[in-house]
Amino acid sequence: MAPTIALLLLGLLVVAPSADAHDTDDLRGYLNVRLGITAASDTDVGGGLGATPNEQVLGVSLGVNFNRYLSLELAGDGWERNMRFGGRTIGEFAMYTGVPMVRGRYPLLDGRLTPYAVAGLGVGYTEFNDRKQPGFGVDVGGTSWGVVGALGAGLEYFVANNIAIGIETKYVISRDQEVRVNGRQQSLDLDTLLTTGGIRLFFPEVRNR
């Protein structure tokens, strides 16, 4: 998956950008779609459970640029990790987050290249699903809602006035999600680093004036 993202971004970068491809001062909305991989700091998530650290993540953001430097967006991300108990994979643990985020931008190269930082506080939802055969005899399950925080940074390159491609790394802080293990509620540490590549579509399209 990671090589596919790299090839996609490289292919878009070598396409000659239009003459008016750049970030702007205009008020306009955007849709960002991204795909990438997770990286967890620890495979021991608590409650006697272990989890795979690297899995696919899909993210979508809907936001608005207020001016050349400030944006606000609602970012949603989702991923699943294989859960282990007693050294055996017993099922999957899904994590979905919805986080309102402030995005601070600083356009460079006449607005063609835009580094940015994001930060926000929102909610996370987790659920145990897709139980595997080794987990049939284990009392584990449940769903949970909790508060999550997110901090990150990214870099975008405009290939058209209303299209930018980029990469983003975001650290999601989630330490109060719960799961039931053998009749007891256990609090899990689900901090995760998300690294994604994506495309941002702006509307309306703004031409040079």
Protein backbone atom coordinates (compact mmCIF):
# COMPACT_ATOMS: atom_id res chain seq x y z
CA MET A 1 0.00 0.00 0.00
CA ALA A 2 2.75 2.47 0.91
CA PRO A 3 4.52 2.03 -2.47
CA THR A 4 1.19 2.63 -4.20
CA ILE A 5 0.74 5.95 -2.38
CA ALA A 6 4.30 6.98 -3.19
CA LEU A 7 3.85 6.18 -6.88
CA LEU A 8 0.54 8.08 -6.98
CA LEU A 9 2.07 11.19 -5.43
CA LEU A 10 5.12 10.97 -7.68
CA GLY A 11 2.91 10.65 -10.74
CA LEU A 12 0.92 13.74 -9.79
CA LEU A 13 4.07 15.72 -9.05
CA VAL A 14 5.57 15.13 -12.47
CA VAL A 15 2.43 16.42 -14.15
CA ALA A 16 3.09 20.00 -15.24
CA PRO A 17 1.01 22.22 -12.93
CA SER A 18 -1.19 24.92 -14.41
CA ALA A 19 0.08 28.49 -14.38
CA ASP A 20 -2.39 29.56 -11.67
CA ALA A 21 -1.76 26.60 -9.36
CA HIS A 22 -1.27 28.12 -5.91
CA ASP A 23 -2.80 28.66 -2.49
CA THR A 24 -4.91 31.81 -2.19
CA ASP A 25 -6.26 34.41 0.23
CA ASP A 26 -9.83 33.55 -0.75
CA LEU A 27 -12.54 32.16 1.47
CA ARG A 28 -13.32 28.72 0.05
CA GLY A 29 -14.16 25.22 1.17
CA TYR A 30 -12.32 21.98 0.57
CA LEU A 31 -12.59 18.21 0.69
CA ASN A 32 -9.53 16.16 1.61
CA VAL A 33 -9.32 12.39 1.06
CA ARG A 34 -6.28 10.46 2.29
CA LEU A 35 -4.99 6.91 2.60
CA GLY A 36 -2.06 5.63 4.61
CA ILE A 37 -0.75 3.49 7.42
CA THR A 38 -0.87 3.51 11.22
CA ALA A 39 2.06 3.13 13.59
CA ALA A 40 1.45 2.43 17.28
CA SER A 41 4.05 3.15 19.94
CA ASP A 42 3.27 -0.07 21.82
CA THR A 43 1.66 -3.38 20.89
CA ASP A 44 0.52 -3.86 24.50
CA VAL A 45 -2.70 -1.84 24.73
CA GLY A 46 -3.76 -2.95 28.22
CA GLY A 47 -6.09 -5.51 29.75
CA GLY A 48 -3.82 -8.36 28.67
CA LEU A 49 -4.48 -7.49 25.03
CA GLY A 50 -1.92 -6.95 22.29
CA ALA A 51 -2.47 -5.33 18.90
CA THR A 52 -0.72 -5.15 15.56
CA PRO A 53 0.98 -1.74 15.17
CA ASN A 54 0.74 -1.20 11.41
CA GLU A 55 -2.59 -1.22 9.60
CA GLN A 56 -4.31 0.71 6.81
CA VAL A 57 -6.06 4.00 7.65
CA LEU A 58 -8.60 5.94 5.61
CA GLY A 59 -9.33 9.60 6.32
CA VAL A 60 -11.67 12.33 5.07
CA SER A 61 -11.77 16.02 6.02
CA LEU A 62 -14.25 18.75 5.17
CA GLY A 63 -13.13 22.29 5.87
CA VAL A 64 -12.84 25.92 4.92
CA ASN A 65 -9.93 28.29 4.29
CA PHE A 66 -10.71 31.63 5.95
CA ASN A 67 -7.67 33.38 4.50
CA ARG A 68 -4.13 32.60 3.37
CA TYR A 69 -3.05 31.23 6.76
CA LEU A 70 -6.02 29.89 8.75
CA SER A 71 -8.36 26.97 8.11
CA LEU A 72 -10.89 24.99 10.14
CA GLU A 73 -11.87 21.42 9.32
CA LEU A 74 -13.67 18.36 10.61
CA ALA A 75 -11.36 15.36 10.20
CA GLY A 76 -12.56 11.77 10.29
CA ASP A 77 -10.21 8.78 10.34
CA GLY A 78 -10.79 5.06 10.67
CA TRP A 79 -8.60 2.00 11.07
CA GLU A 80 -8.60 -1.50 12.54
CA ARG A 81 -5.96 -3.46 14.45
CA ASN A 82 -5.77 -7.21 14.94
CA MET A 83 -6.15 -7.96 18.64
CA ARG A 84 -4.24 -10.73 20.41
CA PHE A 85 -4.90 -12.46 23.72
CA GLY A 86 -2.56 -15.11 25.11
CA GLY A 87 -0.48 -14.84 21.94
CA ARG A 88 -3.44 -15.64 19.66
CA THR A 89 -5.33 -13.33 17.30
CA ILE A 90 -8.90 -13.25 18.59
CA GLY A 91 -10.46 -10.55 16.42
CA GLU A 92 -10.22 -6.97 15.23
CA PHE A 93 -10.53 -3.71 17.11
CA ALA A 94 -11.86 -0.79 15.08
CA MET A 95 -11.16 2.86 15.89
CA TYR A 96 -13.04 5.80 14.36
CA THR A 97 -12.35 9.43 15.22
CA GLY A 98 -14.07 12.71 14.49
CA VAL A 99 -11.99 15.76 15.36
CA PRO A 100 -12.61 19.47 14.66
CA MET A 101 -9.17 20.84 13.83
CA VAL A 102 -7.49 24.19 13.35
CA ARG A 103 -5.13 24.16 10.35
CA GLY A 104 -2.41 26.80 10.24
CA ARG A 105 -0.78 27.26 6.81
CA TYR A 106 2.27 29.11 5.55
CA PRO A 107 2.37 29.14 1.72
CA LEU A 108 5.78 29.20 0.03
CA LEU A 109 7.06 29.49 -3.56
CA ASP A 110 4.32 31.98 -4.52
CA GLY A 111 1.74 29.75 -2.85
CA ARG A 112 2.55 26.61 -4.81
CA LEU A 113 3.98 24.74 -1.79
CA THR A 114 2.08 24.89 1.52
CA PRO A 115 3.38 23.43 4.78
CA TYR A 116 0.81 23.34 7.57
CA ALA A 117 0.15 22.22 11.14
CA VAL A 118 -3.09 20.86 12.62
CA ALA A 119 -4.40 20.48 16.16
CA GLY A 120 -7.76 19.55 17.60
CA LEU A 121 -9.87 17.80 20.21
CA GLY A 122 -12.75 15.47 19.39
CA VAL A 123 -14.31 12.05 19.99
CA GLY A 124 -13.30 8.48 19.30
CA TYR A 125 -15.45 5.36 18.94
CA THR A 126 -14.09 1.83 19.28
CA GLU A 127 -15.61 -1.60 18.84
CA PHE A 128 -14.43 -5.19 18.92
CA ASN A 129 -15.53 -7.11 15.81
CA ASP A 130 -14.76 -9.92 13.37
CA ARG A 131 -14.04 -12.46 16.11
CA LYS A 132 -11.57 -15.16 15.05
CA GLN A 133 -11.72 -18.84 16.06
CA PRO A 134 -9.10 -18.53 18.86
CA GLY A 135 -11.35 -15.90 20.43
CA PHE A 136 -14.52 -18.00 20.60
CA GLY A 137 -13.76 -19.04 24.16
CA VAL A 138 -12.62 -15.61 25.35
CA ASP A 139 -15.06 -13.15 26.93
CA VAL A 140 -13.97 -10.00 25.10
CA GLY A 141 -16.05 -7.32 23.40
CA GLY A 142 -17.93 -4.09 23.75
CA THR A 143 -17.99 -0.60 22.32
CA SER A 144 -16.74 2.65 23.78
CA TRP A 145 -16.80 6.42 23.24
CA GLY A 146 -14.01 8.66 24.48
CA VAL A 147 -12.18 11.95 24.08
CA VAL A 148 -9.27 12.04 21.63
CA GLY A 149 -6.73 14.70 20.76
CA ALA A 150 -4.73 15.10 17.58
CA LEU A 151 -1.57 16.98 16.59
CA GLY A 152 0.10 16.88 13.21
CA ALA A 153 1.80 18.50 10.26
CA GLY A 154 1.67 18.20 6.51
CA LEU A 155 2.98 19.49 3.20
CA GLU A 156 0.94 20.15 0.06
CA TYR A 157 1.83 20.95 -3.54
CA PHE A 158 -0.70 22.65 -5.80
CA VAL A 159 -1.03 21.06 -9.24
CA ALA A 160 -4.03 23.25 -10.13
CA ASN A 161 -5.77 26.24 -8.60
CA ASN A 162 -8.28 23.94 -6.92
CA ILE A 163 -6.23 20.74 -6.47
CA ALA A 164 -3.37 20.03 -4.07
CA ILE A 165 -1.63 16.76 -3.29
CA GLY A 166 0.25 16.12 -0.09
CA ILE A 167 1.43 14.05 2.82
CA GLU A 168 0.36 14.33 6.45
CA THR A 169 1.54 12.87 9.75
CA LYS A 170 -0.82 13.09 12.70
CA TYR A 171 -0.54 11.74 16.25
CA VAL A 172 -3.88 10.69 17.74
CA ILE A 173 -4.02 10.57 21.56
CA SER A 174 -6.60 8.11 22.91
CA ARG A 175 -6.15 6.63 26.37
CA ASP A 176 -9.62 6.20 27.85
CA GLN A 177 -11.27 3.73 25.47
CA GLU A 178 -12.64 0.62 27.17
CA VAL A 179 -13.16 -3.04 26.31
CA ARG A 180 -14.58 -5.96 28.29
CA VAL A 181 -12.07 -8.75 28.96
CA ASN A 182 -13.26 -11.81 30.92
CA GLY A 183 -16.04 -9.87 32.61
CA ARG A 184 -13.98 -6.81 33.53
CA GLN A 185 -13.90 -3.39 31.88
CA GLN A 186 -10.36 -2.51 30.88
CA SER A 187 -9.04 0.90 29.80
CA LEU A 188 -6.89 0.77 26.66
CA ASP A 189 -4.00 2.92 25.47
CA LEU A 190 -4.68 3.43 21.75
CA ASP A 191 -2.30 6.29 20.89
CA THR A 192 -1.56 5.99 17.18
CA LEU A 193 0.55 7.78 14.58
CA LEU A 194 -1.16 8.17 11.19
CA THR A 195 0.89 8.79 8.05
CA THR A 196 -1.13 9.42 4.91
CA GLY A 197 -0.96 10.69 1.37
CA GLY A 198 -3.94 12.46 -0.12
CA ILE A 199 -5.59 14.97 -2.38
CA ARG A 200 -7.39 18.19 -1.42
CA LEU A 201 -10.11 19.60 -3.69
CA PHE A 202 -11.06 23.27 -3.25
CA PHE A 203 -14.34 24.96 -4.16
CA PRO A 204 -15.14 27.24 -5.75
CA GLU A 205 -12.25 27.31 -8.20
CA VAL A 206 -10.55 30.73 -8.18
CA ARG A 207 -8.71 32.03 -11.24
CA ASN A 208 -5.97 34.64 -11.27
CA ARG A 209 -7.41 38.12 -11.39
